[in-house]
Amino acid sequence: MTLPSPAELLPKMAGALIGHLNQRQIAEPRFIGIRTGGVWVAQALLEALGNAAPLGVLDVSFYRDDFTQSGLHPQVQPSELPFEIEGQHLVLIDDVLMSGRTIRAALNELFDYGRPASVTLVCLFDLNARDLPIRPDVVGATLSLPANQRIKLSGPTPLTLELQTLAN
């Protein structure tokens, strides 16, 4: 399987996001990337949009429902939100949507900071493998992979993709 490159997907995503925001009459959204891949995608997307807005960074490690099973990732860092959440229109960006659990954790964390007016979800890839009813508003590509395959994003510059096969 050949994966589309981020360089191919990001301009289309930027156009789709502009259309989505215009349709919803959202003029000044606040952008938040989920660490780490979502931050890289958010930075590239803001660049594609020609937008110099501050970027919020969310580390959802403490909000994951599998925290007690998988333990704490050694690279946990605090979230950085350089703007208010209360009443704001947020654009939440992640690299790969798989089960939906990372997005659920991100929403839980965001609501601890305040109640946003809306949240638009943007993902580079949707793997069609959800455990939760969460779907992106803007997506670069939708793929269905075998259970033993994952997509790994490397970055931040350039953004590159690798299809990985997990050991059995």
C-alpha atoms as a PDB file:
ATOM      1  CA  MET A   1       0.000   0.000   0.000  1.00  0.00           C
ATOM      2  CA  THR A   2       1.281   3.446  -0.918  1.00  0.00           C
ATOM      3  CA  LEU A   3       0.399   6.181   1.533  1.00  0.00           C
ATOM      4  CA  PRO A   4      -0.381   9.676   0.280  1.00  0.00           C
ATOM      5  CA  SER A   5       2.235  12.181   1.451  1.00  0.00           C
ATOM      6  CA  PRO A   6       1.480  14.950   3.939  1.00  0.00           C
ATOM      7  CA  ALA A   7       2.638  17.426   1.264  1.00  0.00           C
ATOM      8  CA  GLU A   8      -0.220  16.181  -0.960  1.00  0.00           C
ATOM      9  CA  LEU A   9      -2.826  16.126   1.811  1.00  0.00           C
ATOM     10  CA  LEU A  10      -2.180  19.399   3.658  1.00  0.00           C
ATOM     11  CA  PRO A  11      -3.248  21.848   0.891  1.00  0.00           C
ATOM     12  CA  LYS A  12      -6.520  19.919   0.434  1.00  0.00           C
ATOM     13  CA  MET A  13      -7.053  19.868   4.197  1.00  0.00           C
ATOM     14  CA  ALA A  14      -6.418  23.623   4.405  1.00  0.00           C
ATOM     15  CA  GLY A  15      -9.058  24.258   1.727  1.00  0.00           C
ATOM     16  CA  ALA A  16     -11.548  21.932   3.407  1.00  0.00           C
ATOM     17  CA  LEU A  17     -10.926  23.585   6.789  1.00  0.00           C
ATOM     18  CA  ILE A  18     -11.493  27.068   5.353  1.00  0.00           C
ATOM     19  CA  GLY A  19     -14.764  25.833   3.820  1.00  0.00           C
ATOM     20  CA  HIS A  20     -15.851  24.230   7.093  1.00  0.00           C
ATOM     21  CA  LEU A  21     -15.070  27.328   9.157  1.00  0.00           C
ATOM     22  CA  ASN A  22     -16.773  29.633   6.649  1.00  0.00           C
ATOM     23  CA  GLN A  23     -19.884  27.429   6.593  1.00  0.00           C
ATOM     24  CA  ARG A  24     -20.057  27.591  10.388  1.00  0.00           C
ATOM     25  CA  GLN A  25     -19.263  31.336  10.348  1.00  0.00           C
ATOM     26  CA  ILE A  26     -16.177  30.917  12.525  1.00  0.00           C
ATOM     27  CA  ALA A  27     -13.856  33.874  11.947  1.00  0.00           C
ATOM     28  CA  GLU A  28     -11.137  33.523  14.597  1.00  0.00           C
ATOM     29  CA  PRO A  29     -10.588  29.899  15.592  1.00  0.00           C
ATOM     30  CA  ARG A  30      -7.945  28.876  18.112  1.00  0.00           C
ATOM     31  CA  PHE A  31      -5.678  26.061  16.913  1.00  0.00           C
ATOM     32  CA  ILE A  32      -4.556  23.230  19.200  1.00  0.00           C
ATOM     33  CA  GLY A  33      -2.310  20.302  18.237  1.00  0.00           C
ATOM     34  CA  ILE A  34      -2.170  17.048  20.184  1.00  0.00           C
ATOM     35  CA  ARG A  35       1.419  16.236  21.067  1.00  0.00           C
ATOM     36  CA  THR A  36       3.453  15.088  19.145  1.00  0.00           C
ATOM     37  CA  GLY A  37       2.225  14.291  15.638  1.00  0.00           C
ATOM     38  CA  GLY A  38      -0.828  16.516  15.922  1.00  0.00           C
ATOM     39  CA  VAL A  39       1.403  19.485  16.751  1.00  0.00           C
ATOM     40  CA  TRP A  40       3.505  18.817  13.647  1.00  0.00           C
ATOM     41  CA  VAL A  41       0.384  18.569  11.474  1.00  0.00           C
ATOM     42  CA  ALA A  42      -1.042  21.730  13.080  1.00  0.00           C
ATOM     43  CA  GLN A  43       2.177  23.668  12.374  1.00  0.00           C
ATOM     44  CA  ALA A  44       2.169  22.530   8.740  1.00  0.00           C
ATOM     45  CA  LEU A  45      -1.550  23.281   8.398  1.00  0.00           C
ATOM     46  CA  LEU A  46      -1.157  26.797   9.827  1.00  0.00           C
ATOM     47  CA  GLU A  47       1.696  27.342   7.372  1.00  0.00           C
ATOM     48  CA  ALA A  48      -0.493  26.103   4.478  1.00  0.00           C
ATOM     49  CA  LEU A  49      -3.224  28.505   5.630  1.00  0.00           C
ATOM     50  CA  GLY A  50      -0.753  31.398   5.892  1.00  0.00           C
ATOM     51  CA  ASN A  51      -1.934  31.811   9.491  1.00  0.00           C
ATOM     52  CA  ALA A  52       0.482  33.043  12.170  1.00  0.00           C
ATOM     53  CA  ALA A  53      -1.972  32.460  15.041  1.00  0.00           C
ATOM     54  CA  PRO A  54      -0.541  31.061  18.279  1.00  0.00           C
ATOM     55  CA  LEU A  55      -0.718  27.285  18.507  1.00  0.00           C
ATOM     56  CA  GLY A  56      -1.883  25.516  21.637  1.00  0.00           C
ATOM     57  CA  VAL A  57      -0.228  22.206  22.510  1.00  0.00           C
ATOM     58  CA  LEU A  58      -2.098  19.478  24.356  1.00  0.00           C
ATOM     59  CA  ASP A  59      -0.436  16.485  26.054  1.00  0.00           C
ATOM     60  CA  VAL A  60      -3.281  14.123  26.931  1.00  0.00           C
ATOM     61  CA  SER A  61      -1.174  11.476  28.706  1.00  0.00           C
ATOM     62  CA  PHE A  62      -2.859  11.943  32.098  1.00  0.00           C
ATOM     63  CA  TYR A  63      -6.333  11.955  30.516  1.00  0.00           C
ATOM     64  CA  ARG A  64      -6.089   8.648  28.654  1.00  0.00           C
ATOM     65  CA  ASP A  65      -8.354   5.833  29.838  1.00  0.00           C
ATOM     66  CA  ASP A  66      -5.511   3.320  29.354  1.00  0.00           C
ATOM     67  CA  PHE A  67      -3.089   5.254  31.593  1.00  0.00           C
ATOM     68  CA  THR A  68      -3.177   2.614  34.341  1.00  0.00           C
ATOM     69  CA  GLN A  69      -2.629  -0.214  31.837  1.00  0.00           C
ATOM     70  CA  SER A  70       0.155   1.257  29.725  1.00  0.00           C
ATOM     71  CA  GLY A  71       1.823   3.515  32.293  1.00  0.00           C
ATOM     72  CA  LEU A  72       3.186   6.992  31.809  1.00  0.00           C
ATOM     73  CA  HIS A  73       5.016   7.806  28.588  1.00  0.00           C
ATOM     74  CA  PRO A  74       8.534   8.982  29.511  1.00  0.00           C
ATOM     75  CA  GLN A  75       8.198  12.135  27.371  1.00  0.00           C
ATOM     76  CA  VAL A  76       5.129  13.635  29.120  1.00  0.00           C
ATOM     77  CA  GLN A  77       5.191  17.431  29.043  1.00  0.00           C
ATOM     78  CA  PRO A  78       2.680  19.993  30.258  1.00  0.00           C
ATOM     79  CA  SER A  79       0.026  21.287  27.893  1.00  0.00           C
ATOM     80  CA  GLU A  80       0.521  24.850  26.654  1.00  0.00           C
ATOM     81  CA  LEU A  81      -2.602  26.848  25.854  1.00  0.00           C
ATOM     82  CA  PRO A  82      -1.675  30.489  25.103  1.00  0.00           C
ATOM     83  CA  PHE A  83      -5.329  31.578  24.968  1.00  0.00           C
ATOM     84  CA  GLU A  84      -8.604  31.132  26.793  1.00  0.00           C
ATOM     85  CA  ILE A  85     -10.692  28.036  26.056  1.00  0.00           C
ATOM     86  CA  GLU A  86     -13.965  29.365  27.482  1.00  0.00           C
ATOM     87  CA  GLY A  87     -16.292  30.459  24.675  1.00  0.00           C
ATOM     88  CA  GLN A  88     -13.692  29.979  21.924  1.00  0.00           C
ATOM     89  CA  HIS A  89     -14.045  28.107  18.626  1.00  0.00           C
ATOM     90  CA  LEU A  90     -11.281  25.506  18.709  1.00  0.00           C
ATOM     91  CA  VAL A  91      -9.651  23.552  15.897  1.00  0.00           C
ATOM     92  CA  LEU A  92      -8.249  20.360  17.460  1.00  0.00           C
ATOM     93  CA  ILE A  93      -5.628  18.671  15.278  1.00  0.00           C
ATOM     94  CA  ASP A  94      -4.172  15.161  15.459  1.00  0.00           C
ATOM     95  CA  ASP A  95      -2.144  13.073  13.060  1.00  0.00           C
ATOM     96  CA  VAL A  96      -3.989   9.733  13.114  1.00  0.00           C
ATOM     97  CA  LEU A  97      -7.496   8.946  14.354  1.00  0.00           C
ATOM     98  CA  MET A  98      -7.721   5.280  15.212  1.00  0.00           C
ATOM     99  CA  SER A  99      -9.820   4.257  18.237  1.00  0.00           C
ATOM    100  CA  GLY A 100     -10.954   7.780  19.175  1.00  0.00           C
ATOM    101  CA  ARG A 101      -9.547   7.468  22.686  1.00  0.00           C
ATOM    102  CA  THR A 102      -6.892  10.155  22.218  1.00  0.00           C
ATOM    103  CA  ILE A 103      -9.543  12.609  20.998  1.00  0.00           C
ATOM    104  CA  ARG A 104     -11.810  11.737  23.938  1.00  0.00           C
ATOM    105  CA  ALA A 105      -8.900  12.396  26.299  1.00  0.00           C
ATOM    106  CA  ALA A 106      -8.178  15.709  24.540  1.00  0.00           C
ATOM    107  CA  LEU A 107     -11.801  16.822  24.877  1.00  0.00           C
ATOM    108  CA  ASN A 108     -11.796  15.901  28.574  1.00  0.00           C
ATOM    109  CA  GLU A 109      -8.665  17.974  29.130  1.00  0.00           C
ATOM    110  CA  LEU A 110      -9.977  20.944  27.134  1.00  0.00           C
ATOM    111  CA  PHE A 111     -13.187  21.027  29.177  1.00  0.00           C
ATOM    112  CA  ASP A 112     -11.094  21.180  32.345  1.00  0.00           C
ATOM    113  CA  TYR A 113      -9.825  24.551  31.027  1.00  0.00           C
ATOM    114  CA  GLY A 114     -13.296  25.857  30.135  1.00  0.00           C
ATOM    115  CA  ARG A 115     -16.296  25.302  27.883  1.00  0.00           C
ATOM    116  CA  PRO A 116     -15.451  26.030  24.237  1.00  0.00           C
ATOM    117  CA  ALA A 117     -18.102  27.408  21.873  1.00  0.00           C
ATOM    118  CA  SER A 118     -17.233  24.605  19.421  1.00  0.00           C
ATOM    119  CA  VAL A 119     -14.524  22.075  18.573  1.00  0.00           C
ATOM    120  CA  THR A 120     -13.648  21.225  14.978  1.00  0.00           C
ATOM    121  CA  LEU A 121     -11.642  18.003  14.656  1.00  0.00           C
ATOM    122  CA  VAL A 122      -8.949  17.796  11.967  1.00  0.00           C
ATOM    123  CA  CYS A 123      -6.920  14.613  11.350  1.00  0.00           C
ATOM    124  CA  LEU A 124      -4.310  13.789   8.736  1.00  0.00           C
ATOM    125  CA  PHE A 125      -5.536  10.172   8.644  1.00  0.00           C
ATOM    126  CA  ASP A 126      -8.696   8.419   9.772  1.00  0.00           C
ATOM    127  CA  LEU A 127      -8.000   4.683  10.063  1.00  0.00           C
ATOM    128  CA  ASN A 128     -11.651   3.617  10.318  1.00  0.00           C
ATOM    129  CA  ALA A 129     -10.934   1.610  13.474  1.00  0.00           C
ATOM    130  CA  ARG A 130     -12.992   3.479  16.063  1.00  0.00           C
ATOM    131  CA  ASP A 131     -14.001   2.244  19.491  1.00  0.00           C
ATOM    132  CA  LEU A 132     -15.806   5.538  20.162  1.00  0.00           C
ATOM    133  CA  PRO A 133     -18.240   7.528  17.979  1.00  0.00           C
ATOM    134  CA  ILE A 134     -15.743  10.247  17.045  1.00  0.00           C
ATOM    135  CA  ARG A 135     -15.274  11.427  13.455  1.00  0.00           C
ATOM    136  CA  PRO A 136     -13.108  14.206  12.039  1.00  0.00           C
ATOM    137  CA  ASP A 137     -14.711  17.267  10.439  1.00  0.00           C
ATOM    138  CA  VAL A 138     -11.708  17.590   8.119  1.00  0.00           C
ATOM    139  CA  VAL A 139      -9.506  14.630   7.152  1.00  0.00           C
ATOM    140  CA  GLY A 140      -6.585  14.224   4.780  1.00  0.00           C
ATOM    141  CA  ALA A 141      -7.307  10.587   3.912  1.00  0.00           C
ATOM    142  CA  THR A 142      -9.373   7.694   5.229  1.00  0.00           C
ATOM    143  CA  LEU A 143      -7.727   4.268   5.234  1.00  0.00           C
ATOM    144  CA  SER A 144      -8.656   0.806   6.419  1.00  0.00           C
ATOM    145  CA  LEU A 145      -5.558  -1.055   7.546  1.00  0.00           C
ATOM    146  CA  PRO A 146      -5.186  -4.652   8.714  1.00  0.00           C
ATOM    147  CA  ALA A 147      -5.237  -4.966  12.532  1.00  0.00           C
ATOM    148  CA  ASN A 148      -1.458  -5.459  12.657  1.00  0.00           C
ATOM    149  CA  GLN A 149      -0.579  -2.263  10.735  1.00  0.00           C
ATOM    150  CA  ARG A 150      -0.128   1.322  11.909  1.00  0.00           C
ATOM    151  CA  ILE A 151       0.936   4.619  10.393  1.00  0.00           C
ATOM    152  CA  LYS A 152       3.899   6.404  11.976  1.00  0.00           C
ATOM    153  CA  LEU A 153       4.377  10.101  11.306  1.00  0.00           C
ATOM    154  CA  SER A 154       7.870  11.559  11.657  1.00  0.00           C
ATOM    155  CA  GLY A 155       8.690  15.221  11.689  1.00  0.00           C
ATOM    156  CA  PRO A 156       8.425  18.040  12.208  1.00  0.00           C
ATOM    157  CA  THR A 157      10.175  19.024   8.964  1.00  0.00           C
ATOM    158  CA  PRO A 158       9.683  17.344   6.638  1.00  0.00           C
ATOM    159  CA  LEU A 159       6.620  15.351   7.643  1.00  0.00           C
ATOM    160  CA  THR A 160       7.110  11.762   6.512  1.00  0.00           C
ATOM    161  CA  LEU A 161       4.959   8.656   6.850  1.00  0.00           C
ATOM    162  CA  GLU A 162       5.856   5.049   7.412  1.00  0.00           C
ATOM    163  CA  LEU A 163       3.558   2.041   7.326  1.00  0.00           C
ATOM    164  CA  GLN A 164       4.531  -0.265  10.208  1.00  0.00           C
ATOM    165  CA  THR A 165       3.637  -3.892  10.784  1.00  0.00           C
ATOM    166  CA  LEU A 166       3.349  -4.893  14.440  1.00  0.00           C
ATOM    167  CA  ALA A 167       4.893  -8.106  15.698  1.00  0.00           C
ATOM    168  CA  ASN A 168       2.391 -10.811  16.605  1.00  0.00           C
END
